[in-house]
Amino acid sequence: MRATAMTVLMATLIAAPPALAPPAFAQGRPAVDFSACQTLTRHRPAADVEYRPGVDVRGRPVAPADLPGSAPTVPLDRFDIPVSGDLARVIGLNVPGRDSNVQVGWLSLEGNHLFFNGQPIGGPAEAELYAYCRSR
C-alpha cells in the first residue's frame, strides 16, 4: 500500500510541473531567480590572491604547515553524496509517523568533475546558465 501511494504521488508530481509552471516556463524562456544567479555565477579571483606555499599575505617567508613525520593526505578518487528530500513536506502534506524521504540520486565528485547520477554537470548547459545570469 505504501509503495503504491508513493508511486501515485511521484507520478502526479512528475506530470504536474508543466501545468503549474509560471508563464515564462510555458513560453520556453528560462525562469531563473536572480538570487540563484548571484549564487551560481563563477568567481574569477585575481592572480595576486593565488596561494603561494611558504609565504604570508605580505610576501614574507613563513614556516611550512607540513611538519616532518606527519602523515600525508591521500586524495579520494571519488566522493559520493546521496541526494534525498522529504517529499511530503515539499508538496505540503502532513504525514505523521511516516518516512517520506525519497532518494533522488547521487552527486559524485571525481577529480575536478561533478556528476549527478553518472551524468556530468556542466558543459554547454552550465555555460548557457552563466551567460544568462551575467546578462541580468
N, C-alpha and C. Protein backbone atom coordinates (compact mmCIF):
# COMPACT_ATOMS: atom_id res chain seq x y z
N MET A 1 0.82 -1.19 0.00
CA MET A 1 0.00 0.00 0.00
C MET A 1 0.87 1.26 0.00
N ARG A 2 1.90 1.28 0.87
CA ARG A 2 2.76 2.45 0.97
C ARG A 2 3.49 2.70 -0.34
N ALA A 3 4.00 1.63 -0.96
CA ALA A 3 4.72 1.78 -2.22
C ALA A 3 3.79 2.28 -3.31
N THR A 4 2.55 1.80 -3.34
CA THR A 4 1.59 2.23 -4.35
C THR A 4 1.26 3.71 -4.17
N ALA A 5 1.03 4.13 -2.94
CA ALA A 5 0.71 5.53 -2.68
C ALA A 5 1.86 6.43 -3.08
N MET A 6 3.09 6.03 -2.76
CA MET A 6 4.26 6.83 -3.13
C MET A 6 4.42 6.88 -4.65
N THR A 7 4.15 5.77 -5.33
CA THR A 7 4.26 5.73 -6.79
C THR A 7 3.26 6.69 -7.42
N VAL A 8 2.01 6.67 -6.93
CA VAL A 8 0.99 7.58 -7.46
C VAL A 8 1.37 9.02 -7.17
N LEU A 9 1.86 9.29 -5.97
CA LEU A 9 2.26 10.64 -5.60
C LEU A 9 3.40 11.14 -6.47
N MET A 10 4.40 10.30 -6.70
CA MET A 10 5.53 10.70 -7.54
C MET A 10 5.09 10.92 -8.98
N ALA A 11 4.22 10.06 -9.51
CA ALA A 11 3.73 10.22 -10.88
C ALA A 11 2.97 11.53 -11.02
N THR A 12 2.18 11.89 -10.00
CA THR A 12 1.44 13.14 -10.03
C THR A 12 2.38 14.34 -10.04
N LEU A 13 3.43 14.27 -9.23
CA LEU A 13 4.39 15.38 -9.18
C LEU A 13 5.15 15.53 -10.48
N ILE A 14 5.47 14.42 -11.11
CA ILE A 14 6.20 14.48 -12.38
C ILE A 14 5.32 15.08 -13.47
N ALA A 15 4.04 14.75 -13.47
CA ALA A 15 3.13 15.24 -14.50
C ALA A 15 2.68 16.67 -14.24
N ALA A 16 2.67 17.12 -13.00
CA ALA A 16 2.10 18.41 -12.64
C ALA A 16 2.95 19.63 -12.96
N PRO A 17 4.28 19.60 -12.87
CA PRO A 17 5.05 20.84 -13.02
C PRO A 17 4.77 21.66 -14.28
N PRO A 18 4.65 21.07 -15.49
CA PRO A 18 4.37 21.93 -16.64
C PRO A 18 3.04 22.67 -16.51
N ALA A 19 2.02 22.03 -15.92
CA ALA A 19 0.72 22.67 -15.79
C ALA A 19 0.75 23.77 -14.74
N LEU A 20 1.58 23.63 -13.73
CA LEU A 20 1.64 24.60 -12.65
C LEU A 20 2.74 25.63 -12.83
N ALA A 21 3.48 25.52 -13.91
CA ALA A 21 4.65 26.37 -14.12
C ALA A 21 4.25 27.80 -14.41
N PRO A 22 5.14 28.76 -14.11
CA PRO A 22 4.87 30.15 -14.44
C PRO A 22 4.88 30.35 -15.94
N PRO A 23 4.29 31.46 -16.41
CA PRO A 23 4.22 31.70 -17.86
C PRO A 23 5.57 31.67 -18.56
N ALA A 24 6.65 32.11 -17.91
CA ALA A 24 7.96 32.10 -18.56
C ALA A 24 8.36 30.69 -18.97
N PHE A 25 8.07 29.70 -18.12
CA PHE A 25 8.40 28.31 -18.45
C PHE A 25 7.54 27.84 -19.62
N ALA A 26 6.27 28.22 -19.61
CA ALA A 26 5.36 27.79 -20.67
C ALA A 26 5.79 28.36 -22.02
N GLN A 27 6.41 29.53 -22.04
CA GLN A 27 6.83 30.15 -23.28
C GLN A 27 8.22 29.71 -23.72
N GLY A 28 8.85 28.81 -22.97
CA GLY A 28 10.16 28.31 -23.34
C GLY A 28 11.32 29.19 -22.92
N ARG A 29 11.03 30.27 -22.18
CA ARG A 29 12.11 31.13 -21.71
C ARG A 29 12.61 30.61 -20.37
N PRO A 30 13.88 30.85 -20.05
CA PRO A 30 14.37 30.41 -18.74
C PRO A 30 13.72 31.20 -17.63
N ALA A 31 13.38 30.53 -16.55
CA ALA A 31 12.79 31.18 -15.38
C ALA A 31 13.74 30.95 -14.22
N VAL A 32 14.77 31.80 -14.11
CA VAL A 32 15.79 31.65 -13.09
C VAL A 32 15.70 32.83 -12.15
N ASP A 33 15.62 32.55 -10.86
CA ASP A 33 15.56 33.59 -9.85
C ASP A 33 16.91 34.32 -9.81
N PHE A 34 16.87 35.65 -9.66
CA PHE A 34 18.10 36.43 -9.65
C PHE A 34 19.02 36.02 -8.50
N SER A 35 18.46 35.66 -7.35
CA SER A 35 19.31 35.25 -6.22
C SER A 35 20.07 33.97 -6.56
N ALA A 36 19.46 33.09 -7.36
CA ALA A 36 20.16 31.88 -7.81
C ALA A 36 21.32 32.26 -8.72
N CYS A 37 21.11 33.25 -9.57
CA CYS A 37 22.18 33.71 -10.45
C CYS A 37 23.36 34.24 -9.64
N GLN A 38 23.07 34.98 -8.58
CA GLN A 38 24.15 35.51 -7.75
C GLN A 38 24.96 34.38 -7.13
N THR A 39 24.30 33.29 -6.78
CA THR A 39 24.98 32.16 -6.18
C THR A 39 25.77 31.38 -7.22
N LEU A 40 25.23 31.24 -8.43
CA LEU A 40 25.82 30.37 -9.43
C LEU A 40 26.94 31.00 -10.25
N THR A 41 26.96 32.32 -10.36
CA THR A 41 27.93 32.96 -11.23
C THR A 41 29.35 32.69 -10.74
N ARG A 42 30.19 32.28 -11.65
CA ARG A 42 31.57 31.91 -11.30
C ARG A 42 32.37 33.10 -10.78
N HIS A 43 33.19 32.80 -9.80
CA HIS A 43 34.11 33.80 -9.26
C HIS A 43 35.47 33.58 -9.90
N ARG A 44 36.05 34.63 -10.45
CA ARG A 44 37.36 34.54 -11.04
C ARG A 44 38.32 35.40 -10.21
N PRO A 45 39.09 34.76 -9.32
CA PRO A 45 39.97 35.54 -8.45
C PRO A 45 41.12 36.17 -9.23
N ALA A 46 41.61 37.28 -8.71
CA ALA A 46 42.76 37.94 -9.32
C ALA A 46 44.01 37.08 -9.11
N ALA A 47 44.99 37.25 -9.98
CA ALA A 47 46.21 36.43 -9.93
C ALA A 47 47.00 36.67 -8.65
N ASP A 48 46.90 37.88 -8.07
CA ASP A 48 47.70 38.17 -6.88
C ASP A 48 47.15 37.55 -5.60
N VAL A 49 46.01 36.86 -5.67
CA VAL A 49 45.47 36.21 -4.47
C VAL A 49 45.68 34.70 -4.49
N GLU A 50 46.41 34.21 -5.46
CA GLU A 50 46.72 32.77 -5.54
C GLU A 50 47.54 32.35 -4.33
N TYR A 51 47.33 31.12 -3.89
CA TYR A 51 48.08 30.56 -2.77
C TYR A 51 49.53 30.33 -3.18
N ARG A 52 50.45 30.76 -2.32
CA ARG A 52 51.87 30.50 -2.53
C ARG A 52 52.41 29.87 -1.26
N PRO A 53 52.88 28.63 -1.33
CA PRO A 53 53.36 27.96 -0.12
C PRO A 53 54.61 28.65 0.43
N GLY A 54 54.67 28.72 1.77
CA GLY A 54 55.85 29.27 2.43
C GLY A 54 55.91 30.78 2.47
N VAL A 55 54.83 31.47 2.06
CA VAL A 55 54.84 32.93 2.01
C VAL A 55 53.53 33.43 2.63
N ASP A 56 53.62 34.49 3.47
CA ASP A 56 52.39 35.03 4.05
C ASP A 56 51.77 36.07 3.12
N VAL A 57 50.74 36.76 3.60
CA VAL A 57 50.00 37.72 2.78
C VAL A 57 50.87 38.86 2.29
N ARG A 58 51.85 39.25 3.09
CA ARG A 58 52.72 40.37 2.72
C ARG A 58 53.98 39.93 1.99
N GLY A 59 54.09 38.64 1.66
CA GLY A 59 55.24 38.14 0.92
C GLY A 59 56.41 37.70 1.77
N ARG A 60 56.25 37.73 3.09
CA ARG A 60 57.33 37.31 3.99
C ARG A 60 57.33 35.80 4.14
N PRO A 61 58.51 35.19 4.31
CA PRO A 61 58.57 33.73 4.46
C PRO A 61 57.96 33.27 5.78
N VAL A 62 57.28 32.13 5.74
CA VAL A 62 56.68 31.53 6.94
C VAL A 62 57.06 30.05 6.99
N ALA A 63 56.94 29.46 8.18
CA ALA A 63 57.23 28.04 8.34
C ALA A 63 56.17 27.21 7.60
N PRO A 64 56.58 26.10 7.03
CA PRO A 64 55.60 25.26 6.31
C PRO A 64 54.61 24.62 7.28
N ALA A 65 53.41 24.37 6.81
CA ALA A 65 52.39 23.74 7.64
C ALA A 65 52.61 22.24 7.75
N ASP A 66 53.26 21.63 6.78
CA ASP A 66 53.52 20.19 6.80
C ASP A 66 54.78 19.93 7.61
N LEU A 67 54.59 19.35 8.77
CA LEU A 67 55.72 19.05 9.64
C LEU A 67 56.35 17.73 9.23
N PRO A 68 57.67 17.60 9.42
CA PRO A 68 58.31 16.33 9.09
C PRO A 68 57.72 15.19 9.94
N GLY A 69 57.47 14.06 9.30
CA GLY A 69 56.92 12.91 10.00
C GLY A 69 55.41 12.88 10.06
N SER A 70 54.74 13.92 9.59
CA SER A 70 53.27 13.90 9.61
C SER A 70 52.76 13.06 8.44
N ALA A 71 51.61 12.46 8.64
CA ALA A 71 51.04 11.58 7.61
C ALA A 71 50.56 12.42 6.43
N PRO A 72 50.86 11.98 5.22
CA PRO A 72 50.38 12.72 4.05
C PRO A 72 48.88 12.51 3.86
N THR A 73 48.23 13.51 3.30
CA THR A 73 46.81 13.35 2.99
C THR A 73 46.69 12.63 1.66
N VAL A 74 45.80 11.67 1.61
CA VAL A 74 45.59 10.89 0.40
C VAL A 74 44.28 11.35 -0.23
N PRO A 75 44.33 11.92 -1.43
CA PRO A 75 43.08 12.37 -2.05
C PRO A 75 42.21 11.18 -2.44
N LEU A 76 40.90 11.39 -2.34
CA LEU A 76 39.96 10.35 -2.75
C LEU A 76 39.84 10.34 -4.27
N ASP A 77 39.70 9.15 -4.84
CA ASP A 77 39.46 9.06 -6.28
C ASP A 77 38.05 9.51 -6.61
N ARG A 78 37.13 9.19 -5.70
CA ARG A 78 35.72 9.50 -5.93
C ARG A 78 35.05 9.75 -4.58
N PHE A 79 34.16 10.74 -4.56
CA PHE A 79 33.42 11.07 -3.34
C PHE A 79 31.95 11.14 -3.71
N ASP A 80 31.10 10.28 -3.10
CA ASP A 80 29.68 10.21 -3.41
C ASP A 80 28.84 10.79 -2.28
N ILE A 81 27.79 11.54 -2.65
CA ILE A 81 26.88 12.14 -1.69
C ILE A 81 25.46 11.78 -2.11
N PRO A 82 24.68 11.12 -1.23
CA PRO A 82 23.28 10.83 -1.59
C PRO A 82 22.45 12.11 -1.55
N VAL A 83 21.54 12.25 -2.51
CA VAL A 83 20.65 13.40 -2.58
C VAL A 83 19.24 12.90 -2.31
N SER A 84 18.61 13.42 -1.26
CA SER A 84 17.26 12.99 -0.92
C SER A 84 16.44 14.19 -0.47
N GLY A 85 15.13 13.99 -0.40
CA GLY A 85 14.26 15.07 0.03
C GLY A 85 13.02 14.52 0.68
N ASP A 86 12.40 15.33 1.52
CA ASP A 86 11.16 14.96 2.20
C ASP A 86 10.01 15.30 1.27
N LEU A 87 9.53 14.31 0.55
CA LEU A 87 8.52 14.51 -0.49
C LEU A 87 7.23 15.07 0.08
N ALA A 88 6.77 14.55 1.21
CA ALA A 88 5.51 15.03 1.79
C ALA A 88 5.61 16.51 2.17
N ARG A 89 6.73 16.92 2.74
CA ARG A 89 6.91 18.32 3.13
C ARG A 89 6.95 19.23 1.92
N VAL A 90 7.59 18.77 0.86
CA VAL A 90 7.72 19.59 -0.35
C VAL A 90 6.36 19.89 -0.95
N ILE A 91 5.46 18.91 -0.94
CA ILE A 91 4.14 19.14 -1.55
C ILE A 91 3.09 19.58 -0.53
N GLY A 92 3.52 19.78 0.73
CA GLY A 92 2.62 20.32 1.74
C GLY A 92 1.72 19.32 2.43
N LEU A 93 2.09 18.05 2.46
CA LEU A 93 1.30 17.04 3.15
C LEU A 93 1.83 16.82 4.55
N ASN A 94 0.93 16.60 5.49
CA ASN A 94 1.32 16.26 6.85
C ASN A 94 1.10 14.77 7.02
N VAL A 95 2.18 14.00 7.06
CA VAL A 95 2.09 12.55 7.18
C VAL A 95 2.80 12.14 8.47
N PRO A 96 2.08 12.19 9.61
CA PRO A 96 2.73 11.84 10.87
C PRO A 96 3.07 10.35 10.93
N GLY A 97 4.24 10.07 11.47
CA GLY A 97 4.66 8.69 11.65
C GLY A 97 5.14 7.99 10.40
N ARG A 98 5.22 8.69 9.30
CA ARG A 98 5.67 8.08 8.05
C ARG A 98 6.96 8.75 7.59
N ASP A 99 7.85 7.95 7.06
CA ASP A 99 9.08 8.48 6.49
C ASP A 99 8.84 8.74 5.01
N SER A 100 8.80 10.00 4.63
CA SER A 100 8.54 10.33 3.23
C SER A 100 9.80 10.80 2.52
N ASN A 101 10.96 10.48 3.08
CA ASN A 101 12.21 10.81 2.40
C ASN A 101 12.36 9.95 1.16
N VAL A 102 12.67 10.57 0.06
CA VAL A 102 12.85 9.89 -1.21
C VAL A 102 14.26 10.19 -1.71
N GLN A 103 14.99 9.15 -2.05
CA GLN A 103 16.32 9.38 -2.61
C GLN A 103 16.17 9.74 -4.08
N VAL A 104 16.69 10.90 -4.42
CA VAL A 104 16.58 11.41 -5.78
C VAL A 104 17.73 10.92 -6.64
N GLY A 105 18.90 10.82 -6.06
CA GLY A 105 20.06 10.38 -6.83
C GLY A 105 21.33 10.52 -6.04
N TRP A 106 22.45 10.57 -6.77
CA TRP A 106 23.78 10.68 -6.16
C TRP A 106 24.57 11.78 -6.84
N LEU A 107 25.23 12.61 -6.04
CA LEU A 107 26.23 13.54 -6.55
C LEU A 107 27.58 12.85 -6.37
N SER A 108 28.37 12.84 -7.41
CA SER A 108 29.69 12.21 -7.35
C SER A 108 30.74 13.22 -7.78
N LEU A 109 31.78 13.34 -6.99
CA LEU A 109 32.90 14.20 -7.32
C LEU A 109 34.08 13.31 -7.67
N GLU A 110 34.52 13.41 -8.92
CA GLU A 110 35.67 12.64 -9.40
C GLU A 110 36.69 13.63 -9.94
N GLY A 111 37.78 13.80 -9.21
CA GLY A 111 38.76 14.80 -9.60
C GLY A 111 38.13 16.18 -9.49
N ASN A 112 38.14 16.93 -10.59
CA ASN A 112 37.51 18.25 -10.62
C ASN A 112 36.18 18.23 -11.35
N HIS A 113 35.58 17.05 -11.50
CA HIS A 113 34.33 16.93 -12.25
C HIS A 113 33.21 16.46 -11.34
N LEU A 114 32.04 17.09 -11.49
CA LEU A 114 30.87 16.76 -10.68
C LEU A 114 29.85 16.05 -11.56
N PHE A 115 29.26 14.97 -11.02
CA PHE A 115 28.28 14.18 -11.75
C PHE A 115 27.02 14.03 -10.90
N PHE A 116 25.87 13.99 -11.56
CA PHE A 116 24.61 13.67 -10.89
C PHE A 116 24.06 12.42 -11.55
N ASN A 117 23.95 11.34 -10.78
CA ASN A 117 23.51 10.04 -11.30
C ASN A 117 24.33 9.61 -12.51
N GLY A 118 25.62 9.86 -12.46
CA GLY A 118 26.52 9.43 -13.53
C GLY A 118 26.59 10.37 -14.72
N GLN A 119 25.75 11.40 -14.76
CA GLN A 119 25.75 12.36 -15.86
C GLN A 119 26.55 13.59 -15.45
N PRO A 120 27.45 14.06 -16.30
CA PRO A 120 28.26 15.22 -15.93
C PRO A 120 27.40 16.47 -15.75
N ILE A 121 27.73 17.23 -14.72
CA ILE A 121 27.08 18.52 -14.50
C ILE A 121 28.03 19.56 -15.06
N GLY A 122 27.55 20.36 -15.95
CA GLY A 122 28.40 21.37 -16.56
C GLY A 122 28.26 21.34 -18.06
N GLY A 123 29.30 21.76 -18.74
CA GLY A 123 29.27 21.75 -20.19
C GLY A 123 28.43 22.88 -20.75
N PRO A 124 27.81 22.65 -21.92
CA PRO A 124 27.05 23.71 -22.60
C PRO A 124 25.90 24.27 -21.76
N ALA A 125 25.18 23.42 -21.04
CA ALA A 125 24.05 23.90 -20.24
C ALA A 125 24.54 24.83 -19.13
N GLU A 126 25.65 24.48 -18.51
CA GLU A 126 26.21 25.33 -17.45
C GLU A 126 26.66 26.66 -18.04
N ALA A 127 27.32 26.63 -19.18
CA ALA A 127 27.79 27.86 -19.82
C ALA A 127 26.61 28.75 -20.20
N GLU A 128 25.52 28.14 -20.68
CA GLU A 128 24.33 28.90 -21.05
C GLU A 128 23.70 29.56 -19.82
N LEU A 129 23.66 28.83 -18.71
CA LEU A 129 23.10 29.39 -17.48
C LEU A 129 23.95 30.56 -16.98
N TYR A 130 25.28 30.42 -17.01
CA TYR A 130 26.15 31.51 -16.58
C TYR A 130 25.98 32.73 -17.48
N ALA A 131 25.87 32.51 -18.79
CA ALA A 131 25.68 33.62 -19.72
C ALA A 131 24.36 34.33 -19.43
N TYR A 132 23.31 33.57 -19.18
CA TYR A 132 22.00 34.15 -18.86
C TYR A 132 22.09 34.99 -17.58
N CYS A 133 22.73 34.43 -16.55
CA CYS A 133 22.84 35.14 -15.28
C CYS A 133 23.68 36.41 -15.41
N ARG A 134 24.73 36.37 -16.21
CA ARG A 134 25.57 37.57 -16.38
C ARG A 134 24.83 38.67 -17.13
N SER A 135 23.87 38.30 -17.98
CA SER A 135 23.15 39.29 -18.77
C SER A 135 22.07 40.01 -17.97
N ARG A 136 21.77 39.52 -16.77
CA ARG A 136 20.70 40.12 -15.96
C ARG A 136 21.20 41.31 -15.19
